[in-house]
Amino acid sequence: MSFSNFEPFLKGKKVQPGELGGYASIFEAKKDPNIYIKEIDEENIQKVIDEYNFLKQNFGDFFPKNQLVIAGKNKDNARAYILMEKVNAETIAKENKNIFLKSLFEFLEKIINFYIKNSSFDKNNNKVMGKVIDFYPRNLIFGKTKGDKQPRLYCIDNYPFLYINKKQLIEILSEVDKYFHISETQYGPKLLNLILKVQQL
């Protein structure tokens, strides 16, 4: 781990103050409006590194290009930032709806299969628990970054991960379904099968 004595970038307008989860504030990069700066509110830098790496390793295909930066003289006063390409949302219209729904279902399927494979019984919580990406609807955008030719599905929250039980996982799936109306499409029965797989854990 290396440290610099200053923030290696200039923060511009604050986009999100961080009240949703209390974990971060998000700014536009002053010199590049296509980059967002996520300022992490966490003193345990190693925890940030571990969670960032976990999500990048297991769900990295769903994030825009991003980079973790640690600024500070040493571990005691270090601060973590995530630089991420901005995603410009596009309207989900008739001509791209099938592409969106296919990519959304594949995304949900990967999350569920990962949870089923890697979750385990947690004695402290007395429940089956597992780590997953934060896939609440507010974090899912269908759109393009500066370098994209075609719109695609992105998850824009790559810190922290969620540590949840199967009931909570199903609740988030239901929120995504309600927001994007998956049950009203050909992917409705497939989504129901995924939920049943989680319930059987």
C-alpha atoms as a PDB file:
ATOM      1  CA  MET A   1       0.000   0.000   0.000  1.00  0.00           C
ATOM      2  CA  SER A   2       1.414   3.354  -1.012  1.00  0.00           C
ATOM      3  CA  PHE A   3       0.389   6.809   0.203  1.00  0.00           C
ATOM      4  CA  SER A   4       0.517  10.297  -1.247  1.00  0.00           C
ATOM      5  CA  ASN A   5       0.513  13.506   0.804  1.00  0.00           C
ATOM      6  CA  PHE A   6      -2.422  14.969  -1.115  1.00  0.00           C
ATOM      7  CA  GLU A   7      -5.548  13.966  -2.963  1.00  0.00           C
ATOM      8  CA  PRO A   8      -4.341  13.033  -6.474  1.00  0.00           C
ATOM      9  CA  PHE A   9      -7.342  14.769  -8.078  1.00  0.00           C
ATOM     10  CA  LEU A  10      -9.571  17.819  -7.673  1.00  0.00           C
ATOM     11  CA  LYS A  11     -13.156  17.391  -6.504  1.00  0.00           C
ATOM     12  CA  GLY A  12     -15.861  19.407  -8.217  1.00  0.00           C
ATOM     13  CA  LYS A  13     -19.610  19.558  -7.613  1.00  0.00           C
ATOM     14  CA  LYS A  14     -21.015  17.176  -5.010  1.00  0.00           C
ATOM     15  CA  VAL A  15     -23.418  14.768  -6.714  1.00  0.00           C
ATOM     16  CA  GLN A  16     -24.550  12.728  -3.728  1.00  0.00           C
ATOM     17  CA  PRO A  17     -23.944  13.619  -0.074  1.00  0.00           C
ATOM     18  CA  GLY A  18     -23.852  10.032   1.169  1.00  0.00           C
ATOM     19  CA  GLU A  19     -26.947  10.015   3.331  1.00  0.00           C
ATOM     20  CA  LEU A  20     -28.300   6.818   1.753  1.00  0.00           C
ATOM     21  CA  GLY A  21     -25.915   4.496   3.526  1.00  0.00           C
ATOM     22  CA  GLY A  22     -23.539   6.913   5.196  1.00  0.00           C
ATOM     23  CA  TYR A  23     -20.618   5.256   3.436  1.00  0.00           C
ATOM     24  CA  ALA A  24     -19.567   7.810   0.851  1.00  0.00           C
ATOM     25  CA  SER A  25     -19.996  11.206  -0.755  1.00  0.00           C
ATOM     26  CA  ILE A  26     -19.808  11.433  -4.518  1.00  0.00           C
ATOM     27  CA  PHE A  27     -18.295  14.318  -6.485  1.00  0.00           C
ATOM     28  CA  GLU A  28     -17.667  15.111 -10.111  1.00  0.00           C
ATOM     29  CA  ALA A  29     -13.983  15.289 -10.969  1.00  0.00           C
ATOM     30  CA  LYS A  30     -13.159  18.956 -11.533  1.00  0.00           C
ATOM     31  CA  LYS A  31     -10.952  18.300 -14.555  1.00  0.00           C
ATOM     32  CA  ASP A  32     -13.088  15.559 -16.138  1.00  0.00           C
ATOM     33  CA  PRO A  33     -16.917  15.569 -15.906  1.00  0.00           C
ATOM     34  CA  ASN A  34     -16.928  11.958 -17.127  1.00  0.00           C
ATOM     35  CA  ILE A  35     -15.357  10.780 -13.858  1.00  0.00           C
ATOM     36  CA  TYR A  36     -17.025  10.525 -10.467  1.00  0.00           C
ATOM     37  CA  ILE A  37     -15.052  10.547  -7.217  1.00  0.00           C
ATOM     38  CA  LYS A  38     -16.456   8.446  -4.399  1.00  0.00           C
ATOM     39  CA  GLU A  39     -15.017   9.621  -1.068  1.00  0.00           C
ATOM     40  CA  ILE A  40     -15.273   6.696   1.373  1.00  0.00           C
ATOM     41  CA  ASP A  41     -16.272   7.402   4.978  1.00  0.00           C
ATOM     42  CA  GLU A  42     -14.338   4.555   6.591  1.00  0.00           C
ATOM     43  CA  GLU A  43     -11.268   4.737   8.832  1.00  0.00           C
ATOM     44  CA  ASN A  44     -10.348   1.069   8.368  1.00  0.00           C
ATOM     45  CA  ILE A  45      -8.547   1.315   5.039  1.00  0.00           C
ATOM     46  CA  GLN A  46      -7.809  -2.396   4.863  1.00  0.00           C
ATOM     47  CA  LYS A  47     -11.540  -3.104   5.132  1.00  0.00           C
ATOM     48  CA  VAL A  48     -12.144  -0.825   2.146  1.00  0.00           C
ATOM     49  CA  ILE A  49      -9.422  -2.563   0.149  1.00  0.00           C
ATOM     50  CA  ASP A  50     -10.723  -6.046   0.988  1.00  0.00           C
ATOM     51  CA  GLU A  51     -14.342  -5.239   0.134  1.00  0.00           C
ATOM     52  CA  TYR A  52     -13.396  -3.371  -3.056  1.00  0.00           C
ATOM     53  CA  ASN A  53     -11.244  -6.297  -4.222  1.00  0.00           C
ATOM     54  CA  PHE A  54     -13.947  -8.836  -3.357  1.00  0.00           C
ATOM     55  CA  LEU A  55     -16.530  -7.026  -5.476  1.00  0.00           C
ATOM     56  CA  LYS A  56     -14.115  -6.378  -8.328  1.00  0.00           C
ATOM     57  CA  GLN A  57     -13.062 -10.025  -8.439  1.00  0.00           C
ATOM     58  CA  ASN A  58     -16.584 -11.466  -8.345  1.00  0.00           C
ATOM     59  CA  PHE A  59     -18.751  -8.795 -10.009  1.00  0.00           C
ATOM     60  CA  GLY A  60     -16.258  -6.573 -11.828  1.00  0.00           C
ATOM     61  CA  ASP A  61     -17.888  -7.089 -15.241  1.00  0.00           C
ATOM     62  CA  PHE A  62     -20.919  -5.101 -14.102  1.00  0.00           C
ATOM     63  CA  PHE A  63     -19.079  -1.959 -12.959  1.00  0.00           C
ATOM     64  CA  PRO A  64     -17.921   0.967 -15.082  1.00  0.00           C
ATOM     65  CA  LYS A  65     -14.140   1.339 -15.243  1.00  0.00           C
ATOM     66  CA  ASN A  66     -12.920   2.283 -11.795  1.00  0.00           C
ATOM     67  CA  GLN A  67      -9.859   2.598  -9.584  1.00  0.00           C
ATOM     68  CA  LEU A  68      -9.282   2.590  -5.834  1.00  0.00           C
ATOM     69  CA  VAL A  69      -6.980   5.388  -4.625  1.00  0.00           C
ATOM     70  CA  ILE A  70      -5.537   5.707  -1.104  1.00  0.00           C
ATOM     71  CA  ALA A  71      -4.440   9.242  -0.138  1.00  0.00           C
ATOM     72  CA  GLY A  72      -2.651  10.237   3.071  1.00  0.00           C
ATOM     73  CA  LYS A  73       0.810  10.314   4.672  1.00  0.00           C
ATOM     74  CA  ASN A  74       0.389   6.934   6.358  1.00  0.00           C
ATOM     75  CA  LYS A  75      -2.164   4.317   7.411  1.00  0.00           C
ATOM     76  CA  ASP A  76      -3.332   6.389  10.392  1.00  0.00           C
ATOM     77  CA  ASN A  77      -4.537   9.375   8.364  1.00  0.00           C
ATOM     78  CA  ALA A  78      -5.226   7.662   5.044  1.00  0.00           C
ATOM     79  CA  ARG A  79      -8.467   8.151   3.170  1.00  0.00           C
ATOM     80  CA  ALA A  80      -9.924   5.976   0.424  1.00  0.00           C
ATOM     81  CA  TYR A  81     -11.440   7.169  -2.842  1.00  0.00           C
ATOM     82  CA  ILE A  82     -12.906   5.310  -5.791  1.00  0.00           C
ATOM     83  CA  LEU A  83     -12.664   6.945  -9.216  1.00  0.00           C
ATOM     84  CA  MET A  84     -15.358   5.692 -11.580  1.00  0.00           C
ATOM     85  CA  GLU A  85     -16.466   6.480 -15.116  1.00  0.00           C
ATOM     86  CA  LYS A  86     -19.797   8.271 -15.284  1.00  0.00           C
ATOM     87  CA  VAL A  87     -22.688   6.353 -16.845  1.00  0.00           C
ATOM     88  CA  ASN A  88     -25.137   8.439 -18.861  1.00  0.00           C
ATOM     89  CA  ALA A  89     -28.553   6.792 -18.577  1.00  0.00           C
ATOM     90  CA  GLU A  90     -30.534   6.009 -21.708  1.00  0.00           C
ATOM     91  CA  THR A  91     -34.265   5.500 -22.072  1.00  0.00           C
ATOM     92  CA  ILE A  92     -35.317   1.861 -22.151  1.00  0.00           C
ATOM     93  CA  ALA A  93     -37.274   1.993 -25.384  1.00  0.00           C
ATOM     94  CA  LYS A  94     -38.927  -0.649 -27.534  1.00  0.00           C
ATOM     95  CA  GLU A  95     -35.826  -1.130 -29.698  1.00  0.00           C
ATOM     96  CA  ASN A  96     -33.473  -1.855 -26.779  1.00  0.00           C
ATOM     97  CA  LYS A  97     -35.841  -3.313 -24.159  1.00  0.00           C
ATOM     98  CA  ASN A  98     -35.007  -6.942 -24.977  1.00  0.00           C
ATOM     99  CA  ILE A  99     -31.270  -6.225 -24.723  1.00  0.00           C
ATOM    100  CA  PHE A 100     -31.803  -4.562 -21.367  1.00  0.00           C
ATOM    101  CA  LEU A 101     -34.011  -7.341 -19.959  1.00  0.00           C
ATOM    102  CA  LYS A 102     -31.614 -10.054 -21.101  1.00  0.00           C
ATOM    103  CA  SER A 103     -28.635  -8.331 -19.473  1.00  0.00           C
ATOM    104  CA  LEU A 104     -30.642  -7.597 -16.301  1.00  0.00           C
ATOM    105  CA  PHE A 105     -31.707 -11.212 -15.924  1.00  0.00           C
ATOM    106  CA  GLU A 106     -28.157 -12.485 -16.535  1.00  0.00           C
ATOM    107  CA  PHE A 107     -26.971 -10.041 -13.867  1.00  0.00           C
ATOM    108  CA  LEU A 108     -29.549 -11.272 -11.334  1.00  0.00           C
ATOM    109  CA  GLU A 109     -28.840 -14.885 -12.212  1.00  0.00           C
ATOM    110  CA  LYS A 110     -25.135 -14.426 -11.527  1.00  0.00           C
ATOM    111  CA  ILE A 111     -25.884 -12.812  -8.151  1.00  0.00           C
ATOM    112  CA  ILE A 112     -28.231 -15.638  -7.108  1.00  0.00           C
ATOM    113  CA  ASN A 113     -25.900 -18.413  -8.229  1.00  0.00           C
ATOM    114  CA  PHE A 114     -23.003 -16.732  -6.439  1.00  0.00           C
ATOM    115  CA  TYR A 115     -25.067 -16.394  -3.257  1.00  0.00           C
ATOM    116  CA  ILE A 116     -26.205 -20.019  -3.365  1.00  0.00           C
ATOM    117  CA  LYS A 117     -22.672 -21.261  -3.909  1.00  0.00           C
ATOM    118  CA  ASN A 118     -20.952 -19.071  -1.307  1.00  0.00           C
ATOM    119  CA  SER A 119     -23.493 -18.428   1.467  1.00  0.00           C
ATOM    120  CA  SER A 120     -23.287 -20.345   4.723  1.00  0.00           C
ATOM    121  CA  PHE A 121     -24.951 -20.605   8.117  1.00  0.00           C
ATOM    122  CA  ASP A 122     -23.887 -17.748  10.381  1.00  0.00           C
ATOM    123  CA  LYS A 123     -24.121 -18.751  14.055  1.00  0.00           C
ATOM    124  CA  ASN A 124     -24.131 -15.126  15.230  1.00  0.00           C
ATOM    125  CA  ASN A 125     -27.160 -14.301  13.085  1.00  0.00           C
ATOM    126  CA  ASN A 126     -28.637 -17.797  13.314  1.00  0.00           C
ATOM    127  CA  LYS A 127     -29.348 -17.613   9.577  1.00  0.00           C
ATOM    128  CA  VAL A 128     -27.871 -18.417   6.212  1.00  0.00           C
ATOM    129  CA  MET A 129     -25.875 -15.317   5.226  1.00  0.00           C
ATOM    130  CA  GLY A 130     -23.862 -14.319   2.182  1.00  0.00           C
ATOM    131  CA  LYS A 131     -21.980 -11.449   0.521  1.00  0.00           C
ATOM    132  CA  VAL A 132     -23.278  -9.902  -2.685  1.00  0.00           C
ATOM    133  CA  ILE A 133     -23.097  -6.753  -4.745  1.00  0.00           C
ATOM    134  CA  ASP A 134     -25.478  -3.925  -3.746  1.00  0.00           C
ATOM    135  CA  PHE A 135     -28.050  -4.364  -6.512  1.00  0.00           C
ATOM    136  CA  TYR A 136     -30.883  -2.176  -5.286  1.00  0.00           C
ATOM    137  CA  PRO A 137     -32.614  -0.518  -8.285  1.00  0.00           C
ATOM    138  CA  ARG A 138     -31.079   2.886  -7.455  1.00  0.00           C
ATOM    139  CA  ASN A 139     -27.644   1.414  -8.314  1.00  0.00           C
ATOM    140  CA  LEU A 140     -28.597  -0.069 -11.699  1.00  0.00           C
ATOM    141  CA  ILE A 141     -28.276   2.085 -14.810  1.00  0.00           C
ATOM    142  CA  PHE A 142     -28.829   1.191 -18.448  1.00  0.00           C
ATOM    143  CA  GLY A 143     -26.602   3.546 -20.381  1.00  0.00           C
ATOM    144  CA  LYS A 144     -23.195   4.378 -21.808  1.00  0.00           C
ATOM    145  CA  THR A 145     -19.871   5.578 -20.504  1.00  0.00           C
ATOM    146  CA  LYS A 146     -17.731   7.875 -22.628  1.00  0.00           C
ATOM    147  CA  GLY A 147     -16.103   4.922 -24.400  1.00  0.00           C
ATOM    148  CA  ASP A 148     -19.223   2.797 -25.015  1.00  0.00           C
ATOM    149  CA  LYS A 149     -20.736   2.504 -28.472  1.00  0.00           C
ATOM    150  CA  GLN A 150     -23.867   0.715 -27.272  1.00  0.00           C
ATOM    151  CA  PRO A 151     -25.805   1.069 -23.995  1.00  0.00           C
ATOM    152  CA  ARG A 152     -25.512  -1.701 -21.436  1.00  0.00           C
ATOM    153  CA  LEU A 153     -26.448  -2.467 -17.860  1.00  0.00           C
ATOM    154  CA  TYR A 154     -24.127  -1.137 -15.163  1.00  0.00           C
ATOM    155  CA  CYS A 155     -24.099  -1.353 -11.390  1.00  0.00           C
ATOM    156  CA  ILE A 156     -22.593   1.868 -10.057  1.00  0.00           C
ATOM    157  CA  ASP A 157     -22.053   0.845  -6.413  1.00  0.00           C
ATOM    158  CA  ASN A 158     -18.810  -1.079  -5.902  1.00  0.00           C
ATOM    159  CA  TYR A 159     -18.378  -0.388  -2.182  1.00  0.00           C
ATOM    160  CA  PRO A 160     -19.384  -1.725   0.255  1.00  0.00           C
ATOM    161  CA  PHE A 161     -20.780  -5.202  -0.355  1.00  0.00           C
ATOM    162  CA  LEU A 162     -24.008  -6.429   1.231  1.00  0.00           C
ATOM    163  CA  TYR A 163     -23.915  -9.178   3.869  1.00  0.00           C
ATOM    164  CA  ILE A 164     -27.502 -10.391   3.925  1.00  0.00           C
ATOM    165  CA  ASN A 165     -29.754 -13.354   4.669  1.00  0.00           C
ATOM    166  CA  LYS A 166     -31.915 -15.058   2.049  1.00  0.00           C
ATOM    167  CA  LYS A 167     -35.065 -13.159   3.057  1.00  0.00           C
ATOM    168  CA  GLN A 168     -33.258  -9.855   2.485  1.00  0.00           C
ATOM    169  CA  LEU A 169     -31.940 -11.122  -0.845  1.00  0.00           C
ATOM    170  CA  ILE A 170     -35.460 -12.008  -1.990  1.00  0.00           C
ATOM    171  CA  GLU A 171     -36.717  -8.584  -0.854  1.00  0.00           C
ATOM    172  CA  ILE A 172     -34.135  -6.844  -3.058  1.00  0.00           C
ATOM    173  CA  LEU A 173     -35.017  -9.120  -5.976  1.00  0.00           C
ATOM    174  CA  SER A 174     -38.661  -8.135  -5.486  1.00  0.00           C
ATOM    175  CA  GLU A 175     -37.722  -4.433  -5.512  1.00  0.00           C
ATOM    176  CA  VAL A 176     -35.793  -4.885  -8.768  1.00  0.00           C
ATOM    177  CA  ASP A 177     -38.726  -6.794 -10.233  1.00  0.00           C
ATOM    178  CA  LYS A 178     -41.202  -4.095  -9.189  1.00  0.00           C
ATOM    179  CA  TYR A 179     -38.999  -1.278 -10.517  1.00  0.00           C
ATOM    180  CA  PHE A 180     -38.239  -2.862 -13.909  1.00  0.00           C
ATOM    181  CA  HIS A 181     -41.474  -4.925 -14.304  1.00  0.00           C
ATOM    182  CA  ILE A 182     -39.607  -8.168 -14.954  1.00  0.00           C
ATOM    183  CA  SER A 183     -42.604 -10.355 -14.000  1.00  0.00           C
ATOM    184  CA  GLU A 184     -44.563  -8.846 -16.885  1.00  0.00           C
ATOM    185  CA  THR A 185     -42.011 -10.123 -19.426  1.00  0.00           C
ATOM    186  CA  GLN A 186     -40.793 -13.475 -20.691  1.00  0.00           C
ATOM    187  CA  TYR A 187     -38.219 -13.439 -17.877  1.00  0.00           C
ATOM    188  CA  GLY A 188     -40.902 -13.537 -15.173  1.00  0.00           C
ATOM    189  CA  PRO A 189     -41.001 -17.361 -14.804  1.00  0.00           C
ATOM    190  CA  LYS A 190     -37.203 -17.519 -14.806  1.00  0.00           C
ATOM    191  CA  LEU A 191     -37.013 -14.907 -12.053  1.00  0.00           C
ATOM    192  CA  LEU A 192     -39.527 -16.888 -10.009  1.00  0.00           C
ATOM    193  CA  ASN A 193     -37.329 -19.982 -10.378  1.00  0.00           C
ATOM    194  CA  LEU A 194     -34.350 -18.022  -9.065  1.00  0.00           C
ATOM    195  CA  ILE A 195     -36.344 -16.905  -6.028  1.00  0.00           C
ATOM    196  CA  LEU A 196     -37.445 -20.498  -5.361  1.00  0.00           C
ATOM    197  CA  LYS A 197     -33.814 -21.616  -5.461  1.00  0.00           C
ATOM    198  CA  VAL A 198     -32.943 -19.062  -2.783  1.00  0.00           C
ATOM    199  CA  GLN A 199     -35.918 -20.069  -0.616  1.00  0.00           C
ATOM    200  CA  GLN A 200     -34.706 -23.673  -0.636  1.00  0.00           C
ATOM    201  CA  LEU A 201     -31.395 -22.810   1.021  1.00  0.00           C
END
